[in-house]
PDB file of N, CA and C in Angstrom:
ATOM      1  N   MET A   1       0.831  -1.187   0.000  1.00  0.00           N
ATOM      2  CA  MET A   1       0.000   0.000   0.000  1.00  0.00           C
ATOM      3  C   MET A   1       0.870   1.242   0.000  1.00  0.00           C
ATOM      4  N   LYS A   2       1.030   1.844  -1.130  1.00  0.00           N
ATOM      5  CA  LYS A   2       1.793   3.074  -1.238  1.00  0.00           C
ATOM      6  C   LYS A   2       0.848   4.249  -1.179  1.00  0.00           C
ATOM      7  N   SER A   3       1.201   5.233  -0.362  1.00  0.00           N
ATOM      8  CA  SER A   3       0.317   6.384  -0.203  1.00  0.00           C
ATOM      9  C   SER A   3       0.607   7.467  -1.231  1.00  0.00           C
ATOM     10  N   GLY A   4       1.791   7.418  -1.842  1.00  0.00           N
ATOM     11  CA  GLY A   4       2.134   8.432  -2.816  1.00  0.00           C
ATOM     12  C   GLY A   4       2.694   9.691  -2.186  1.00  0.00           C
ATOM     13  N   LYS A   5       2.779   9.734  -0.863  1.00  0.00           N
ATOM     14  CA  LYS A   5       3.327  10.892  -0.175  1.00  0.00           C
ATOM     15  C   LYS A   5       4.845  10.772  -0.118  1.00  0.00           C
ATOM     16  N   THR A   6       5.510  11.918  -0.212  1.00  0.00           N
ATOM     17  CA  THR A   6       6.955  11.926  -0.030  1.00  0.00           C
ATOM     18  C   THR A   6       7.263  12.335   1.401  1.00  0.00           C
ATOM     19  N   VAL A   7       8.306  11.767   1.934  1.00  0.00           N
ATOM     20  CA  VAL A   7       8.669  12.048   3.308  1.00  0.00           C
ATOM     21  C   VAL A   7      10.044  12.693   3.324  1.00  0.00           C
ATOM     22  N   ASN A   8      10.137  13.823   3.973  1.00  0.00           N
ATOM     23  CA  ASN A   8      11.406  14.514   4.107  1.00  0.00           C
ATOM     24  C   ASN A   8      12.157  13.887   5.281  1.00  0.00           C
ATOM     25  N   ILE A   9      13.316  13.281   4.992  1.00  0.00           N
ATOM     26  CA  ILE A   9      14.066  12.627   6.059  1.00  0.00           C
ATOM     27  C   ILE A   9      15.182  13.507   6.611  1.00  0.00           C
ATOM     28  N   GLU A  10      15.384  14.684   6.063  1.00  0.00           N
ATOM     29  CA  GLU A  10      16.401  15.590   6.572  1.00  0.00           C
ATOM     30  C   GLU A  10      15.833  16.376   7.740  1.00  0.00           C
ATOM     31  N   PRO A  11      16.684  16.663   8.738  1.00  0.00           N
ATOM     32  CA  PRO A  11      16.195  17.448   9.873  1.00  0.00           C
ATOM     33  C   PRO A  11      15.888  18.870   9.430  1.00  0.00           C
ATOM     34  N   PRO A  12      14.969  19.515  10.080  1.00  0.00           N
ATOM     35  CA  PRO A  12      14.636  20.892   9.711  1.00  0.00           C
ATOM     36  C   PRO A  12      15.819  21.814   9.960  1.00  0.00           C
ATOM     37  N   ALA A  13      15.914  22.859   9.160  1.00  0.00           N
ATOM     38  CA  ALA A  13      16.992  23.835   9.322  1.00  0.00           C
ATOM     39  C   ALA A  13      16.816  24.538  10.654  1.00  0.00           C
ATOM     40  N   THR A  14      17.933  24.784  11.326  1.00  0.00           N
ATOM     41  CA  THR A  14      17.872  25.460  12.615  1.00  0.00           C
ATOM     42  C   THR A  14      18.786  26.665  12.598  1.00  0.00           C
ATOM     43  N   ASN A  15      18.556  27.548  13.516  1.00  0.00           N
ATOM     44  CA  ASN A  15      19.407  28.714  13.684  1.00  0.00           C
ATOM     45  C   ASN A  15      20.762  28.217  14.173  1.00  0.00           C
ATOM     46  N   VAL A  16      21.846  28.627  13.525  1.00  0.00           N
ATOM     47  CA  VAL A  16      23.183  28.139  13.853  1.00  0.00           C
ATOM     48  C   VAL A  16      23.548  28.468  15.292  1.00  0.00           C
ATOM     49  N   ASP A  17      23.151  29.635  15.797  1.00  0.00           N
ATOM     50  CA  ASP A  17      23.490  30.025  17.155  1.00  0.00           C
ATOM     51  C   ASP A  17      22.813  29.129  18.192  1.00  0.00           C
ATOM     52  N   GLN A  18      21.643  28.649  17.895  1.00  0.00           N
ATOM     53  CA  GLN A  18      20.887  27.856  18.849  1.00  0.00           C
ATOM     54  C   GLN A  18      20.966  26.365  18.556  1.00  0.00           C
ATOM     55  N   ALA A  19      21.649  25.994  17.482  1.00  0.00           N
ATOM     56  CA  ALA A  19      21.693  24.590  17.086  1.00  0.00           C
ATOM     57  C   ALA A  19      22.532  23.780  18.068  1.00  0.00           C
ATOM     58  N   GLU A  20      22.084  22.571  18.316  1.00  0.00           N
ATOM     59  CA  GLU A  20      22.876  21.642  19.109  1.00  0.00           C
ATOM     60  C   GLU A  20      23.136  20.413  18.253  1.00  0.00           C
ATOM     61  N   ALA A  21      24.194  19.727  18.557  1.00  0.00           N
ATOM     62  CA  ALA A  21      24.553  18.551  17.771  1.00  0.00           C
ATOM     63  C   ALA A  21      23.466  17.492  17.897  1.00  0.00           C
ATOM     64  N   ARG A  22      23.171  16.858  16.771  1.00  0.00           N
ATOM     65  CA  ARG A  22      22.144  15.808  16.759  1.00  0.00           C
ATOM     66  C   ARG A  22      22.667  14.597  16.007  1.00  0.00           C
ATOM     67  N   ASP A  23      22.175  13.428  16.397  1.00  0.00           N
ATOM     68  CA  ASP A  23      22.581  12.208  15.702  1.00  0.00           C
ATOM     69  C   ASP A  23      21.754  12.030  14.439  1.00  0.00           C
ATOM     70  N   ALA A  24      21.932  10.916  13.751  1.00  0.00           N
ATOM     71  CA  ALA A  24      21.245  10.676  12.484  1.00  0.00           C
ATOM     72  C   ALA A  24      19.726  10.626  12.632  1.00  0.00           C
ATOM     73  N   MET A  25      19.236  10.329  13.829  1.00  0.00           N
ATOM     74  CA  MET A  25      17.794  10.273  14.062  1.00  0.00           C
ATOM     75  C   MET A  25      17.232  11.603  14.562  1.00  0.00           C
ATOM     76  N   GLY A  26      18.090  12.625  14.648  1.00  0.00           N
ATOM     77  CA  GLY A  26      17.642  13.932  15.076  1.00  0.00           C
ATOM     78  C   GLY A  26      17.617  14.121  16.579  1.00  0.00           C
ATOM     79  N   ARG A  27      18.148  13.149  17.329  1.00  0.00           N
ATOM     80  CA  ARG A  27      18.166  13.255  18.782  1.00  0.00           C
ATOM     81  C   ARG A  27      19.365  14.093  19.208  1.00  0.00           C
ATOM     82  N   PRO A  28      19.197  14.898  20.244  1.00  0.00           N
ATOM     83  CA  PRO A  28      20.327  15.710  20.720  1.00  0.00           C
ATOM     84  C   PRO A  28      21.472  14.817  21.212  1.00  0.00           C
ATOM     85  N   ILE A  29      22.679  15.223  20.907  1.00  0.00           N
ATOM     86  CA  ILE A  29      23.865  14.511  21.375  1.00  0.00           C
ATOM     87  C   ILE A  29      24.424  15.301  22.542  1.00  0.00           C
ATOM     88  N   ALA A  30      24.667  14.614  23.640  1.00  0.00           N
ATOM     89  CA  ALA A  30      25.210  15.282  24.818  1.00  0.00           C
ATOM     90  C   ALA A  30      26.581  15.846  24.479  1.00  0.00           C
ATOM     91  N   GLN A  31      26.768  17.108  24.765  1.00  0.00           N
ATOM     92  CA  GLN A  31      28.035  17.771  24.498  1.00  0.00           C
ATOM     93  C   GLN A  31      28.949  17.594  25.697  1.00  0.00           C
ATOM     94  N   ARG A  32      30.211  17.286  25.411  1.00  0.00           N
ATOM     95  CA  ARG A  32      31.205  17.197  26.474  1.00  0.00           C
ATOM     96  C   ARG A  32      31.629  18.607  26.857  1.00  0.00           C
ATOM     97  N   LYS A  33      31.738  18.864  28.124  1.00  0.00           N
ATOM     98  CA  LYS A  33      32.186  20.182  28.575  1.00  0.00           C
ATOM     99  C   LYS A  33      33.661  20.370  28.267  1.00  0.00           C
ATOM    100  N   ASN A  34      34.445  19.319  28.407  1.00  0.00           N
ATOM    101  CA  ASN A  34      35.872  19.377  28.103  1.00  0.00           C
ATOM    102  C   ASN A  34      36.060  18.796  26.709  1.00  0.00           C
ATOM    103  N   SER A  35      36.494  19.614  25.760  1.00  0.00           N
ATOM    104  CA  SER A  35      36.603  19.153  24.378  1.00  0.00           C
ATOM    105  C   SER A  35      37.840  18.292  24.148  1.00  0.00           C
ATOM    106  N   GLU A  36      38.700  18.158  25.155  1.00  0.00           N
ATOM    107  CA  GLU A  36      39.905  17.346  25.011  1.00  0.00           C
ATOM    108  C   GLU A  36      39.538  15.870  25.073  1.00  0.00           C
ATOM    109  N   VAL A  37      39.996  15.140  24.067  1.00  0.00           N
ATOM    110  CA  VAL A  37      39.738  13.707  24.013  1.00  0.00           C
ATOM    111  C   VAL A  37      41.058  12.993  24.252  1.00  0.00           C
ATOM    112  N   ARG A  38      41.060  12.049  25.160  1.00  0.00           N
ATOM    113  CA  ARG A  38      42.279  11.305  25.468  1.00  0.00           C
ATOM    114  C   ARG A  38      42.126   9.868  24.996  1.00  0.00           C
ATOM    115  N   LEU A  39      43.192   9.383  24.378  1.00  0.00           N
ATOM    116  CA  LEU A  39      43.208   8.007  23.921  1.00  0.00           C
ATOM    117  C   LEU A  39      43.911   7.142  24.953  1.00  0.00           C
ATOM    118  N   GLY A  40      43.417   5.929  25.130  1.00  0.00           N
ATOM    119  CA  GLY A  40      44.037   5.007  26.063  1.00  0.00           C
ATOM    120  C   GLY A  40      45.412   4.569  25.574  1.00  0.00           C
ATOM    121  N   ARG A  41      46.217   4.040  26.490  1.00  0.00           N
ATOM    122  CA  ARG A  41      47.579   3.611  26.150  1.00  0.00           C
ATOM    123  C   ARG A  41      47.576   2.531  25.076  1.00  0.00           C
ATOM    124  N   GLU A  42      46.608   1.654  25.131  1.00  0.00           N
ATOM    125  CA  GLU A  42      46.543   0.574  24.144  1.00  0.00           C
ATOM    126  C   GLU A  42      46.311   1.130  22.736  1.00  0.00           C
ATOM    127  N   ILE A  43      45.432   2.097  22.630  1.00  0.00           N
ATOM    128  CA  ILE A  43      45.147   2.719  21.328  1.00  0.00           C
ATOM    129  C   ILE A  43      46.357   3.510  20.850  1.00  0.00           C
ATOM    130  N   GLN A  44      46.999   4.246  21.760  1.00  0.00           N
ATOM    131  CA  GLN A  44      48.198   5.001  21.393  1.00  0.00           C
ATOM    132  C   GLN A  44      49.293   4.058  20.884  1.00  0.00           C
ATOM    133  N   ALA A  45      49.449   2.925  21.560  1.00  0.00           N
ATOM    134  CA  ALA A  45      50.473   1.957  21.145  1.00  0.00           C
ATOM    135  C   ALA A  45      50.162   1.410  19.760  1.00  0.00           C
ATOM    136  N   ARG A  46      48.903   1.122  19.512  1.00  0.00           N
ATOM    137  CA  ARG A  46      48.497   0.583  18.201  1.00  0.00           C
ATOM    138  C   ARG A  46      48.739   1.609  17.090  1.00  0.00           C
ATOM    139  N   ILE A  47      48.408   2.865  17.356  1.00  0.00           N
ATOM    140  CA  ILE A  47      48.641   3.928  16.372  1.00  0.00           C
ATOM    141  C   ILE A  47      50.140   4.046  16.104  1.00  0.00           C
ATOM    142  N   GLY A  48      50.936   3.992  17.161  1.00  0.00           N
ATOM    143  CA  GLY A  48      52.383   4.061  17.007  1.00  0.00           C
ATOM    144  C   GLY A  48      52.924   2.926  16.151  1.00  0.00           C
ATOM    145  N   GLN A  49      52.432   1.713  16.378  1.00  0.00           N
ATOM    146  CA  GLN A  49      52.859   0.554  15.584  1.00  0.00           C
ATOM    147  C   GLN A  49      52.529   0.753  14.111  1.00  0.00           C
ATOM    148  N   GLN A  50      51.325   1.228  13.855  1.00  0.00           N
ATOM    149  CA  GLN A  50      50.899   1.420  12.467  1.00  0.00           C
ATOM    150  C   GLN A  50      51.693   2.528  11.787  1.00  0.00           C
ATOM    151  N   LEU A  51      51.983   3.610  12.499  1.00  0.00           N
ATOM    152  CA  LEU A  51      52.788   4.693  11.914  1.00  0.00           C
ATOM    153  C   LEU A  51      54.205   4.218  11.622  1.00  0.00           C
ATOM    154  N   ARG A  52      54.803   3.461  12.565  1.00  0.00           N
ATOM    155  CA  ARG A  52      56.147   2.933  12.323  1.00  0.00           C
ATOM    156  C   ARG A  52      56.156   2.018  11.102  1.00  0.00           C
ATOM    157  N   ALA A  53      55.133   1.186  10.957  1.00  0.00           N
ATOM    158  CA  ALA A  53      55.061   0.286   9.800  1.00  0.00           C
ATOM    159  C   ALA A  53      54.932   1.082   8.501  1.00  0.00           C
ATOM    160  N   MET A  54      54.131   2.151   8.531  1.00  0.00           N
ATOM    161  CA  MET A  54      53.924   2.958   7.331  1.00  0.00           C
ATOM    162  C   MET A  54      55.190   3.681   6.894  1.00  0.00           C
ATOM    163  N   TYR A  55      55.970   4.187   7.864  1.00  0.00           N
ATOM    164  CA  TYR A  55      57.122   5.025   7.540  1.00  0.00           C
ATOM    165  C   TYR A  55      58.460   4.303   7.670  1.00  0.00           C
ATOM    166  N   GLU A  56      58.423   2.995   7.816  1.00  0.00           N
ATOM    167  CA  GLU A  56      59.652   2.225   7.979  1.00  0.00           C
ATOM    168  C   GLU A  56      60.617   2.444   6.817  1.00  0.00           C
ATOM    169  N   ASP A  57      60.123   2.410   5.596  1.00  0.00           N
ATOM    170  CA  ASP A  57      60.982   2.604   4.420  1.00  0.00           C
ATOM    171  C   ASP A  57      61.613   3.992   4.406  1.00  0.00           C
ATOM    172  N   VAL A  58      60.856   4.993   4.802  1.00  0.00           N
ATOM    173  CA  VAL A  58      61.366   6.359   4.816  1.00  0.00           C
ATOM    174  C   VAL A  58      62.508   6.477   5.829  1.00  0.00           C
ATOM    175  N   VAL A  59      62.337   5.883   6.986  1.00  0.00           N
ATOM    176  CA  VAL A  59      63.365   5.937   8.018  1.00  0.00           C
ATOM    177  C   VAL A  59      64.627   5.214   7.554  1.00  0.00           C
ATOM    178  N   LYS A  60      64.448   4.087   6.873  1.00  0.00           N
ATOM    179  CA  LYS A  60      65.593   3.310   6.398  1.00  0.00           C
ATOM    180  C   LYS A  60      66.405   4.070   5.344  1.00  0.00           C
ATOM    181  N   GLN A  61      65.774   5.000   4.635  1.00  0.00           N
ATOM    182  CA  GLN A  61      66.476   5.760   3.601  1.00  0.00           C
ATOM    183  C   GLN A  61      67.520   6.692   4.208  1.00  0.00           C
ATOM    184  N   GLY A  62      67.326   7.088   5.433  1.00  0.00           N
ATOM    185  CA  GLY A  62      68.274   7.983   6.078  1.00  0.00           C
ATOM    186  C   GLY A  62      68.117   9.413   5.612  1.00  0.00           C
ATOM    187  N   VAL A  63      69.048  10.234   6.054  1.00  0.00           N
ATOM    188  CA  VAL A  63      69.028  11.661   5.721  1.00  0.00           C
ATOM    189  C   VAL A  63      69.885  11.878   4.481  1.00  0.00           C
ATOM    190  N   PRO A  64      69.359  12.574   3.482  1.00  0.00           N
ATOM    191  CA  PRO A  64      70.149  12.850   2.282  1.00  0.00           C
ATOM    192  C   PRO A  64      71.407  13.651   2.640  1.00  0.00           C
ATOM    193  N   PRO A  65      72.503  13.406   1.923  1.00  0.00           N
ATOM    194  CA  PRO A  65      73.776  14.070   2.242  1.00  0.00           C
ATOM    195  C   PRO A  65      73.690  15.598   2.279  1.00  0.00           C
ATOM    196  N   HIS A  66      72.932  16.205   1.358  1.00  0.00           N
ATOM    197  CA  HIS A  66      72.876  17.664   1.340  1.00  0.00           C
ATOM    198  C   HIS A  66      72.150  18.215   2.575  1.00  0.00           C
ATOM    199  N   ILE A  67      71.167  17.491   3.083  1.00  0.00           N
ATOM    200  CA  ILE A  67      70.477  17.916   4.302  1.00  0.00           C
ATOM    201  C   ILE A  67      71.399  17.722   5.508  1.00  0.00           C
ATOM    202  N   GLU A  68      72.121  16.608   5.518  1.00  0.00           N
ATOM    203  CA  GLU A  68      73.058  16.347   6.606  1.00  0.00           C
ATOM    204  C   GLU A  68      74.123  17.443   6.674  1.00  0.00           C
ATOM    205  N   ALA A  69      74.637  17.850   5.515  1.00  0.00           N
ATOM    206  CA  ALA A  69      75.640  18.910   5.468  1.00  0.00           C
ATOM    207  C   ALA A  69      75.058  20.239   5.954  1.00  0.00           C
ATOM    208  N   LEU A  70      73.824  20.524   5.568  1.00  0.00           N
ATOM    209  CA  LEU A  70      73.170  21.759   6.004  1.00  0.00           C
ATOM    210  C   LEU A  70      73.009  21.780   7.521  1.00  0.00           C
ATOM    211  N   VAL A  71      72.556  20.675   8.081  1.00  0.00           N
ATOM    212  CA  VAL A  71      72.380  20.599   9.534  1.00  0.00           C
ATOM    213  C   VAL A  71      73.737  20.758  10.230  1.00  0.00           C
ATOM    214  N   ARG A  72      74.765  20.130   9.691  1.00  0.00           N
ATOM    215  CA  ARG A  72      76.102  20.242  10.276  1.00  0.00           C
ATOM    216  C   ARG A  72      76.579  21.695  10.265  1.00  0.00           C
ATOM    217  N   ARG A  73      76.382  22.390   9.136  1.00  0.00           N
ATOM    218  CA  ARG A  73      76.795  23.799   9.049  1.00  0.00           C
ATOM    219  C   ARG A  73      76.020  24.660  10.035  1.00  0.00           C
ATOM    220  N   LEU A  74      74.716  24.433  10.125  1.00  0.00           N
ATOM    221  CA  LEU A  74      73.898  25.218  11.058  1.00  0.00           C
ATOM    222  C   LEU A  74      74.314  24.949  12.500  1.00  0.00           C
ATOM    223  N   THR A  75      74.615  23.701  12.800  1.00  0.00           N
ATOM    224  CA  THR A  75      75.037  23.346  14.160  1.00  0.00           C
ATOM    225  C   THR A  75      76.386  23.978  14.472  1.00  0.00           C
ATOM    226  N   ASP A  76      77.301  23.963  13.509  1.00  0.00           N
ATOM    227  CA  ASP A  76      78.621  24.576  13.717  1.00  0.00           C
ATOM    228  C   ASP A  76      78.508  26.081  13.924  1.00  0.00           C
ATOM    229  N   ASN A  77      77.563  26.716  13.232  1.00  0.00           N
ATOM    230  CA  ASN A  77      77.386  28.166  13.344  1.00  0.00           C
ATOM    231  C   ASN A  77      76.593  28.572  14.578  1.00  0.00           C
ATOM    232  N   ASP A  78      75.921  27.600  15.204  1.00  0.00           N
ATOM    233  CA  ASP A  78      75.087  27.883  16.373  1.00  0.00           C
ATOM    234  C   ASP A  78      75.984  28.254  17.544  1.00  0.00           C
ATOM    235  N   ASP A  79      75.671  29.378  18.169  1.00  0.00           N
ATOM    236  CA  ASP A  79      76.480  29.813  19.310  1.00  0.00           C
ATOM    237  C   ASP A  79      75.839  29.437  20.639  1.00  0.00           C
ATOM    238  N   GLY A  80      74.935  28.476  20.606  1.00  0.00           N
ATOM    239  CA  GLY A  80      74.300  27.999  21.845  1.00  0.00           C
ATOM    240  C   GLY A  80      73.060  28.765  22.234  1.00  0.00           C
ATOM    241  N   VAL A  81      72.638  29.725  21.429  1.00  0.00           N
ATOM    242  CA  VAL A  81      71.439  30.500  21.736  1.00  0.00           C
ATOM    243  C   VAL A  81      70.238  29.755  21.183  1.00  0.00           C
ATOM    244  N   ALA A  82      69.266  29.539  22.042  1.00  0.00           N
ATOM    245  CA  ALA A  82      68.071  28.807  21.608  1.00  0.00           C
ATOM    246  C   ALA A  82      67.045  29.730  21.040  1.00  0.00           C
TER     247      ALA A  82
END
């Protein structure tokens, strides 16, 4: 039984100043007072493993000679001022 009516599934437009975050069903999402998100040690370790795997080849290539020479010259010219 089709009624022939169209249904708008998008949430109604809201004033940006008064808008609150909503999920896909239009329900309000509780806002965290502290916007800082911390990852657990296990997740940090996993991210670290994946980054090391991704950049392993780059690390193995080493520093190009011209960059090494530039760093050496800059270090030699450095008078200890940070």
